[in-house]
Amino acid sequence: NLTENAGANQLLAEKVDSIVQSGSFPIILGGDHSIAIGTLAGVSKHYENLGVIWYDAHGDLNTEETSPSGNIHGMPIAVSLGLG
């Protein structure tokens, strides 16, 4: 589902960017960790030194090469750091 996931996150990044640009604070609710990719991409356009607190049972720092399942759900932090 890489194509669908990439498209959804691109749209989300644009929406988050627009919300931050308007001076509002975006609150994103979703059922899959992969939405963090779009969320962080949209927010990061506005901050030179962005910090993220990731609270989860897993670091979600897998790449295609390190993921046991290959599910993007376990990769959002890696993707946001430019890995994968």
PDB file of N, CA and C in Angstrom:
ATOM      1  N   ASN A   1       0.811  -1.211   0.000  1.00  0.00           N
ATOM      2  CA  ASN A   1       0.000   0.000   0.000  1.00  0.00           C
ATOM      3  C   ASN A   1       0.851   1.270   0.000  1.00  0.00           C
ATOM      4  N   LEU A   2       2.057   1.167  -0.509  1.00  0.00           N
ATOM      5  CA  LEU A   2       2.969   2.310  -0.509  1.00  0.00           C
ATOM      6  C   LEU A   2       2.399   3.509  -1.271  1.00  0.00           C
ATOM      7  N   THR A   3       1.830   3.272  -2.437  1.00  0.00           N
ATOM      8  CA  THR A   3       1.307   4.373  -3.248  1.00  0.00           C
ATOM      9  C   THR A   3       0.180   5.100  -2.530  1.00  0.00           C
ATOM     10  N   GLU A   4      -0.752   4.352  -1.959  1.00  0.00           N
ATOM     11  CA  GLU A   4      -1.878   4.957  -1.238  1.00  0.00           C
ATOM     12  C   GLU A   4      -1.391   5.707  -0.004  1.00  0.00           C
ATOM     13  N   ASN A   5      -0.452   5.100   0.695  1.00  0.00           N
ATOM     14  CA  ASN A   5       0.080   5.708   1.910  1.00  0.00           C
ATOM     15  C   ASN A   5       0.819   7.002   1.590  1.00  0.00           C
ATOM     16  N   ALA A   6       1.630   6.979   0.542  1.00  0.00           N
ATOM     17  CA  ALA A   6       2.367   8.182   0.145  1.00  0.00           C
ATOM     18  C   ALA A   6       1.407   9.297  -0.260  1.00  0.00           C
ATOM     19  N   GLY A   7       0.377   8.957  -1.007  1.00  0.00           N
ATOM     20  CA  GLY A   7      -0.601   9.965  -1.427  1.00  0.00           C
ATOM     21  C   GLY A   7      -1.350  10.573  -0.256  1.00  0.00           C
ATOM     22  N   ALA A   8      -1.775   9.728   0.674  1.00  0.00           N
ATOM     23  CA  ALA A   8      -2.498  10.213   1.851  1.00  0.00           C
ATOM     24  C   ALA A   8      -1.605  11.104   2.704  1.00  0.00           C
ATOM     25  N   ASN A   9      -0.348  10.727   2.857  1.00  0.00           N
ATOM     26  CA  ASN A   9       0.565  11.528   3.661  1.00  0.00           C
ATOM     27  C   ASN A   9       0.940  12.827   2.978  1.00  0.00           C
ATOM     28  N   GLN A  10       1.002  12.852   1.678  1.00  0.00           N
ATOM     29  CA  GLN A  10       1.251  14.101   0.948  1.00  0.00           C
ATOM     30  C   GLN A  10       0.099  15.082   1.184  1.00  0.00           C
ATOM     31  N   LEU A  11      -1.129  14.574   1.081  1.00  0.00           N
ATOM     32  CA  LEU A  11      -2.306  15.404   1.335  1.00  0.00           C
ATOM     33  C   LEU A  11      -2.324  15.893   2.779  1.00  0.00           C
ATOM     34  N   LEU A  12      -2.015  15.001   3.719  1.00  0.00           N
ATOM     35  CA  LEU A  12      -1.985  15.382   5.125  1.00  0.00           C
ATOM     36  C   LEU A  12      -0.916  16.441   5.380  1.00  0.00           C
ATOM     37  N   ALA A  13       0.257  16.279   4.793  1.00  0.00           N
ATOM     38  CA  ALA A  13       1.334  17.263   4.965  1.00  0.00           C
ATOM     39  C   ALA A  13       0.887  18.642   4.479  1.00  0.00           C
ATOM     40  N   GLU A  14       0.198  18.683   3.358  1.00  0.00           N
ATOM     41  CA  GLU A  14      -0.296  19.953   2.824  1.00  0.00           C
ATOM     42  C   GLU A  14      -1.317  20.581   3.759  1.00  0.00           C
ATOM     43  N   LYS A  15      -2.203  19.765   4.320  1.00  0.00           N
ATOM     44  CA  LYS A  15      -3.231  20.281   5.242  1.00  0.00           C
ATOM     45  C   LYS A  15      -2.587  20.809   6.524  1.00  0.00           C
ATOM     46  N   VAL A  16      -1.654  20.038   7.071  1.00  0.00           N
ATOM     47  CA  VAL A  16      -0.977  20.451   8.306  1.00  0.00           C
ATOM     48  C   VAL A  16      -0.191  21.734   8.059  1.00  0.00           C
ATOM     49  N   ASP A  17       0.523  21.809   6.951  1.00  0.00           N
ATOM     50  CA  ASP A  17       1.259  23.010   6.581  1.00  0.00           C
ATOM     51  C   ASP A  17       0.328  24.216   6.556  1.00  0.00           C
ATOM     52  N   SER A  18      -0.822  24.056   5.933  1.00  0.00           N
ATOM     53  CA  SER A  18      -1.798  25.147   5.825  1.00  0.00           C
ATOM     54  C   SER A  18      -2.316  25.582   7.197  1.00  0.00           C
ATOM     55  N   ILE A  19      -2.563  24.618   8.058  1.00  0.00           N
ATOM     56  CA  ILE A  19      -3.072  24.924   9.399  1.00  0.00           C
ATOM     57  C   ILE A  19      -2.033  25.693  10.207  1.00  0.00           C
ATOM     58  N   VAL A  20      -0.786  25.235  10.191  1.00  0.00           N
ATOM     59  CA  VAL A  20       0.279  25.913  10.924  1.00  0.00           C
ATOM     60  C   VAL A  20       0.505  27.307  10.338  1.00  0.00           C
ATOM     61  N   GLN A  21       0.489  27.409   9.024  1.00  0.00           N
ATOM     62  CA  GLN A  21       0.691  28.701   8.356  1.00  0.00           C
ATOM     63  C   GLN A  21      -0.385  29.707   8.757  1.00  0.00           C
ATOM     64  N   SER A  22      -1.593  29.223   9.028  1.00  0.00           N
ATOM     65  CA  SER A  22      -2.683  30.125   9.422  1.00  0.00           C
ATOM     66  C   SER A  22      -2.594  30.559  10.880  1.00  0.00           C
ATOM     67  N   GLY A  23      -1.617  29.988  11.609  1.00  0.00           N
ATOM     68  CA  GLY A  23      -1.451  30.351  13.014  1.00  0.00           C
ATOM     69  C   GLY A  23      -2.190  29.447  13.970  1.00  0.00           C
ATOM     70  N   SER A  24      -2.810  28.417  13.461  1.00  0.00           N
ATOM     71  CA  SER A  24      -3.534  27.477  14.312  1.00  0.00           C
ATOM     72  C   SER A  24      -2.645  26.287  14.655  1.00  0.00           C
ATOM     73  N   PHE A  25      -3.103  25.482  15.592  1.00  0.00           N
ATOM     74  CA  PHE A  25      -2.370  24.299  16.047  1.00  0.00           C
ATOM     75  C   PHE A  25      -3.071  23.052  15.514  1.00  0.00           C
ATOM     76  N   PRO A  26      -2.397  22.267  14.706  1.00  0.00           N
ATOM     77  CA  PRO A  26      -3.060  21.080  14.150  1.00  0.00           C
ATOM     78  C   PRO A  26      -3.130  19.947  15.167  1.00  0.00           C
ATOM     79  N   ILE A  27      -4.263  19.314  15.250  1.00  0.00           N
ATOM     80  CA  ILE A  27      -4.420  18.085  16.047  1.00  0.00           C
ATOM     81  C   ILE A  27      -4.847  17.006  15.067  1.00  0.00           C
ATOM     82  N   ILE A  28      -4.031  15.972  14.943  1.00  0.00           N
ATOM     83  CA  ILE A  28      -4.269  14.920  13.971  1.00  0.00           C
ATOM     84  C   ILE A  28      -4.625  13.643  14.721  1.00  0.00           C
ATOM     85  N   LEU A  29      -5.757  13.066  14.397  1.00  0.00           N
ATOM     86  CA  LEU A  29      -6.175  11.795  14.991  1.00  0.00           C
ATOM     87  C   LEU A  29      -6.264  10.751  13.898  1.00  0.00           C
ATOM     88  N   GLY A  30      -5.726   9.582  14.157  1.00  0.00           N
ATOM     89  CA  GLY A  30      -5.772   8.531  13.153  1.00  0.00           C
ATOM     90  C   GLY A  30      -5.556   7.175  13.785  1.00  0.00           C
ATOM     91  N   GLY A  31      -5.702   6.163  12.985  1.00  0.00           N
ATOM     92  CA  GLY A  31      -5.599   4.811  13.512  1.00  0.00           C
ATOM     93  C   GLY A  31      -4.332   4.085  13.137  1.00  0.00           C
ATOM     94  N   ASP A  32      -3.416   4.745  12.448  1.00  0.00           N
ATOM     95  CA  ASP A  32      -2.194   4.082  12.025  1.00  0.00           C
ATOM     96  C   ASP A  32      -1.028   5.041  12.196  1.00  0.00           C
ATOM     97  N   HIS A  33       0.079   4.546  12.716  1.00  0.00           N
ATOM     98  CA  HIS A  33       1.233   5.403  12.985  1.00  0.00           C
ATOM     99  C   HIS A  33       1.801   6.049  11.734  1.00  0.00           C
ATOM    100  N   SER A  34       1.501   5.494  10.573  1.00  0.00           N
ATOM    101  CA  SER A  34       2.078   6.046   9.348  1.00  0.00           C
ATOM    102  C   SER A  34       1.607   7.475   9.072  1.00  0.00           C
ATOM    103  N   ILE A  35       0.513   7.927   9.699  1.00  0.00           N
ATOM    104  CA  ILE A  35       0.082   9.317   9.491  1.00  0.00           C
ATOM    105  C   ILE A  35       1.064  10.316  10.087  1.00  0.00           C
ATOM    106  N   ALA A  36       1.959   9.834  10.934  1.00  0.00           N
ATOM    107  CA  ALA A  36       2.992  10.724  11.471  1.00  0.00           C
ATOM    108  C   ALA A  36       3.898  11.247  10.362  1.00  0.00           C
ATOM    109  N   ILE A  37       4.030  10.494   9.278  1.00  0.00           N
ATOM    110  CA  ILE A  37       4.874  10.925   8.161  1.00  0.00           C
ATOM    111  C   ILE A  37       4.353  12.257   7.608  1.00  0.00           C
ATOM    112  N   GLY A  38       3.082  12.322   7.299  1.00  0.00           N
ATOM    113  CA  GLY A  38       2.488  13.548   6.776  1.00  0.00           C
ATOM    114  C   GLY A  38       2.418  14.657   7.813  1.00  0.00           C
ATOM    115  N   THR A  39       2.120  14.279   9.042  1.00  0.00           N
ATOM    116  CA  THR A  39       2.042  15.263  10.119  1.00  0.00           C
ATOM    117  C   THR A  39       3.388  15.954  10.312  1.00  0.00           C
ATOM    118  N   LEU A  40       4.433  15.162  10.447  1.00  0.00           N
ATOM    119  CA  LEU A  40       5.766  15.739  10.664  1.00  0.00           C
ATOM    120  C   LEU A  40       6.262  16.505   9.439  1.00  0.00           C
ATOM    121  N   ALA A  41       5.943  16.022   8.258  1.00  0.00           N
ATOM    122  CA  ALA A  41       6.350  16.729   7.040  1.00  0.00           C
ATOM    123  C   ALA A  41       5.700  18.110   6.969  1.00  0.00           C
ATOM    124  N   GLY A  42       4.440  18.204   7.337  1.00  0.00           N
ATOM    125  CA  GLY A  42       3.747  19.490   7.307  1.00  0.00           C
ATOM    126  C   GLY A  42       4.236  20.452   8.362  1.00  0.00           C
ATOM    127  N   VAL A  43       4.464  19.961   9.571  1.00  0.00           N
ATOM    128  CA  VAL A  43       4.919  20.807  10.675  1.00  0.00           C
ATOM    129  C   VAL A  43       6.362  21.251  10.465  1.00  0.00           C
ATOM    130  N   SER A  44       7.197  20.350   9.954  1.00  0.00           N
ATOM    131  CA  SER A  44       8.628  20.639   9.852  1.00  0.00           C
ATOM    132  C   SER A  44       8.947  21.784   8.894  1.00  0.00           C
ATOM    133  N   LYS A  45       8.020  22.135   8.030  1.00  0.00           N
ATOM    134  CA  LYS A  45       8.243  23.257   7.127  1.00  0.00           C
ATOM    135  C   LYS A  45       8.326  24.589   7.871  1.00  0.00           C
ATOM    136  N   HIS A  46       7.878  24.602   9.128  1.00  0.00           N
ATOM    137  CA  HIS A  46       7.776  25.844   9.880  1.00  0.00           C
ATOM    138  C   HIS A  46       8.778  25.966  11.019  1.00  0.00           C
ATOM    139  N   TYR A  47       9.585  24.941  11.240  1.00  0.00           N
ATOM    140  CA  TYR A  47      10.525  24.956  12.359  1.00  0.00           C
ATOM    141  C   TYR A  47      11.884  24.451  11.894  1.00  0.00           C
ATOM    142  N   GLU A  48      12.912  25.220  12.184  1.00  0.00           N
ATOM    143  CA  GLU A  48      14.265  24.842  11.784  1.00  0.00           C
ATOM    144  C   GLU A  48      14.796  23.688  12.633  1.00  0.00           C
ATOM    145  N   ASN A  49      14.419  23.658  13.897  1.00  0.00           N
ATOM    146  CA  ASN A  49      14.936  22.649  14.813  1.00  0.00           C
ATOM    147  C   ASN A  49      13.756  22.004  15.548  1.00  0.00           C
ATOM    148  N   LEU A  50      13.058  21.123  14.865  1.00  0.00           N
ATOM    149  CA  LEU A  50      11.847  20.495  15.399  1.00  0.00           C
ATOM    150  C   LEU A  50      12.204  19.307  16.281  1.00  0.00           C
ATOM    151  N   GLY A  51      11.610  19.234  17.440  1.00  0.00           N
ATOM    152  CA  GLY A  51      11.779  18.084  18.329  1.00  0.00           C
ATOM    153  C   GLY A  51      10.487  17.276  18.366  1.00  0.00           C
ATOM    154  N   VAL A  52      10.614  15.976  18.475  1.00  0.00           N
ATOM    155  CA  VAL A  52       9.454  15.090  18.510  1.00  0.00           C
ATOM    156  C   VAL A  52       9.574  14.167  19.712  1.00  0.00           C
ATOM    157  N   ILE A  53       8.532  14.071  20.477  1.00  0.00           N
ATOM    158  CA  ILE A  53       8.455  13.076  21.551  1.00  0.00           C
ATOM    159  C   ILE A  53       7.598  11.942  21.023  1.00  0.00           C
ATOM    160  N   TRP A  54       8.187  10.776  20.872  1.00  0.00           N
ATOM    161  CA  TRP A  54       7.480   9.613  20.307  1.00  0.00           C
ATOM    162  C   TRP A  54       7.184   8.657  21.447  1.00  0.00           C
ATOM    163  N   TYR A  55       5.926   8.565  21.825  1.00  0.00           N
ATOM    164  CA  TYR A  55       5.514   7.716  22.937  1.00  0.00           C
ATOM    165  C   TYR A  55       4.790   6.502  22.373  1.00  0.00           C
ATOM    166  N   ASP A  56       5.454   5.373  22.405  1.00  0.00           N
ATOM    167  CA  ASP A  56       4.914   4.152  21.816  1.00  0.00           C
ATOM    168  C   ASP A  56       5.684   2.971  22.395  1.00  0.00           C
ATOM    169  N   ALA A  57       5.146   1.794  22.233  1.00  0.00           N
ATOM    170  CA  ALA A  57       5.846   0.586  22.673  1.00  0.00           C
ATOM    171  C   ALA A  57       7.042   0.286  21.774  1.00  0.00           C
ATOM    172  N   HIS A  58       7.062   0.859  20.584  1.00  0.00           N
ATOM    173  CA  HIS A  58       8.130   0.636  19.613  1.00  0.00           C
ATOM    174  C   HIS A  58       8.634   1.979  19.102  1.00  0.00           C
ATOM    175  N   GLY A  59       9.861   2.005  18.640  1.00  0.00           N
ATOM    176  CA  GLY A  59      10.443   3.247  18.153  1.00  0.00           C
ATOM    177  C   GLY A  59       9.965   3.654  16.773  1.00  0.00           C
ATOM    178  N   ASP A  60       9.362   2.712  16.032  1.00  0.00           N
ATOM    179  CA  ASP A  60       8.893   2.971  14.661  1.00  0.00           C
ATOM    180  C   ASP A  60       9.993   3.580  13.798  1.00  0.00           C
ATOM    181  N   LEU A  61      11.192   3.048  13.983  1.00  0.00           N
ATOM    182  CA  LEU A  61      12.372   3.503  13.268  1.00  0.00           C
ATOM    183  C   LEU A  61      12.855   2.446  12.272  1.00  0.00           C
ATOM    184  N   ASN A  62      11.962   1.532  11.906  1.00  0.00           N
ATOM    185  CA  ASN A  62      12.318   0.493  10.940  1.00  0.00           C
ATOM    186  C   ASN A  62      12.425   1.075   9.544  1.00  0.00           C
ATOM    187  N   THR A  63      13.229   0.419   8.729  1.00  0.00           N
ATOM    188  CA  THR A  63      13.301   0.695   7.302  1.00  0.00           C
ATOM    189  C   THR A  63      12.843  -0.571   6.588  1.00  0.00           C
ATOM    190  N   GLU A  64      12.763  -0.504   5.282  1.00  0.00           N
ATOM    191  CA  GLU A  64      12.372  -1.687   4.517  1.00  0.00           C
ATOM    192  C   GLU A  64      13.323  -2.856   4.810  1.00  0.00           C
ATOM    193  N   GLU A  65      14.586  -2.538   5.026  1.00  0.00           N
ATOM    194  CA  GLU A  65      15.589  -3.578   5.273  1.00  0.00           C
ATOM    195  C   GLU A  65      15.525  -4.154   6.690  1.00  0.00           C
ATOM    196  N   THR A  66      15.069  -3.368   7.669  1.00  0.00           N
ATOM    197  CA  THR A  66      15.081  -3.834   9.060  1.00  0.00           C
ATOM    198  C   THR A  66      13.721  -4.275   9.581  1.00  0.00           C
ATOM    199  N   SER A  67      12.670  -3.999   8.853  1.00  0.00           N
ATOM    200  CA  SER A  67      11.323  -4.323   9.315  1.00  0.00           C
ATOM    201  C   SER A  67      11.022  -5.820   9.180  1.00  0.00           C
ATOM    202  N   PRO A  68      10.580  -6.453  10.266  1.00  0.00           N
ATOM    203  CA  PRO A  68      10.198  -7.859  10.174  1.00  0.00           C
ATOM    204  C   PRO A  68       8.952  -8.071   9.303  1.00  0.00           C
ATOM    205  N   SER A  69       8.042  -7.087   9.303  1.00  0.00           N
ATOM    206  CA  SER A  69       6.774  -7.250   8.583  1.00  0.00           C
ATOM    207  C   SER A  69       6.725  -6.502   7.249  1.00  0.00           C
ATOM    208  N   GLY A  70       7.538  -5.461   7.115  1.00  0.00           N
ATOM    209  CA  GLY A  70       7.477  -4.625   5.926  1.00  0.00           C
ATOM    210  C   GLY A  70       6.349  -3.618   5.964  1.00  0.00           C
ATOM    211  N   ASN A  71       5.647  -3.519   7.093  1.00  0.00           N
ATOM    212  CA  ASN A  71       4.510  -2.615   7.235  1.00  0.00           C
ATOM    213  C   ASN A  71       4.990  -1.189   7.503  1.00  0.00           C
ATOM    214  N   ILE A  72       4.470  -0.241   6.757  1.00  0.00           N
ATOM    215  CA  ILE A  72       4.848   1.166   6.912  1.00  0.00           C
ATOM    216  C   ILE A  72       4.489   1.674   8.308  1.00  0.00           C
ATOM    217  N   HIS A  73       3.547   1.025   8.963  1.00  0.00           N
ATOM    218  CA  HIS A  73       3.126   1.375  10.319  1.00  0.00           C
ATOM    219  C   HIS A  73       4.323   1.448  11.273  1.00  0.00           C
ATOM    220  N   GLY A  74       5.354   0.669  11.028  1.00  0.00           N
ATOM    221  CA  GLY A  74       6.534   0.663  11.893  1.00  0.00           C
ATOM    222  C   GLY A  74       7.689   1.504  11.377  1.00  0.00           C
ATOM    223  N   MET A  75       7.431   2.371  10.412  1.00  0.00           N
ATOM    224  CA  MET A  75       8.510   3.128   9.764  1.00  0.00           C
ATOM    225  C   MET A  75       8.393   4.646   9.808  1.00  0.00           C
ATOM    226  N   PRO A  76       7.397   5.251  10.444  1.00  0.00           N
ATOM    227  CA  PRO A  76       7.233   6.704  10.269  1.00  0.00           C
ATOM    228  C   PRO A  76       8.387   7.549  10.766  1.00  0.00           C
ATOM    229  N   ILE A  77       9.022   7.179  11.834  1.00  0.00           N
ATOM    230  CA  ILE A  77      10.137   8.002  12.321  1.00  0.00           C
ATOM    231  C   ILE A  77      11.332   7.864  11.379  1.00  0.00           C
ATOM    232  N   ALA A  78      11.587   6.648  10.901  1.00  0.00           N
ATOM    233  CA  ALA A  78      12.672   6.448   9.952  1.00  0.00           C
ATOM    234  C   ALA A  78      12.436   7.269   8.683  1.00  0.00           C
ATOM    235  N   VAL A  79      11.215   7.226   8.171  1.00  0.00           N
ATOM    236  CA  VAL A  79      10.889   7.984   6.965  1.00  0.00           C
ATOM    237  C   VAL A  79      11.065   9.480   7.216  1.00  0.00           C
ATOM    238  N   SER A  80      10.615   9.947   8.368  1.00  0.00           N
ATOM    239  CA  SER A  80      10.722  11.370   8.695  1.00  0.00           C
ATOM    240  C   SER A  80      12.169  11.824   8.857  1.00  0.00           C
ATOM    241  N   LEU A  81      13.054  10.882   9.169  1.00  0.00           N
ATOM    242  CA  LEU A  81      14.475  11.196   9.277  1.00  0.00           C
ATOM    243  C   LEU A  81      15.199  11.026   7.935  1.00  0.00           C
ATOM    244  N   GLY A  82      14.454  10.643   6.903  1.00  0.00           N
ATOM    245  CA  GLY A  82      15.050  10.485   5.580  1.00  0.00           C
ATOM    246  C   GLY A  82      15.596   9.094   5.317  1.00  0.00           C
ATOM    247  N   LEU A  83      15.245   8.131   6.154  1.00  0.00           N
ATOM    248  CA  LEU A  83      15.683   6.744   5.974  1.00  0.00           C
ATOM    249  C   LEU A  83      14.541   5.939   5.355  1.00  0.00           C
ATOM    250  N   GLY A  84      14.635   5.651   4.095  1.00  0.00           N
ATOM    251  CA  GLY A  84      13.576   4.864   3.476  1.00  0.00           C
ATOM    252  C   GLY A  84      12.583   5.723   2.728  1.00  0.00           C
TER     253      GLY A  84
END
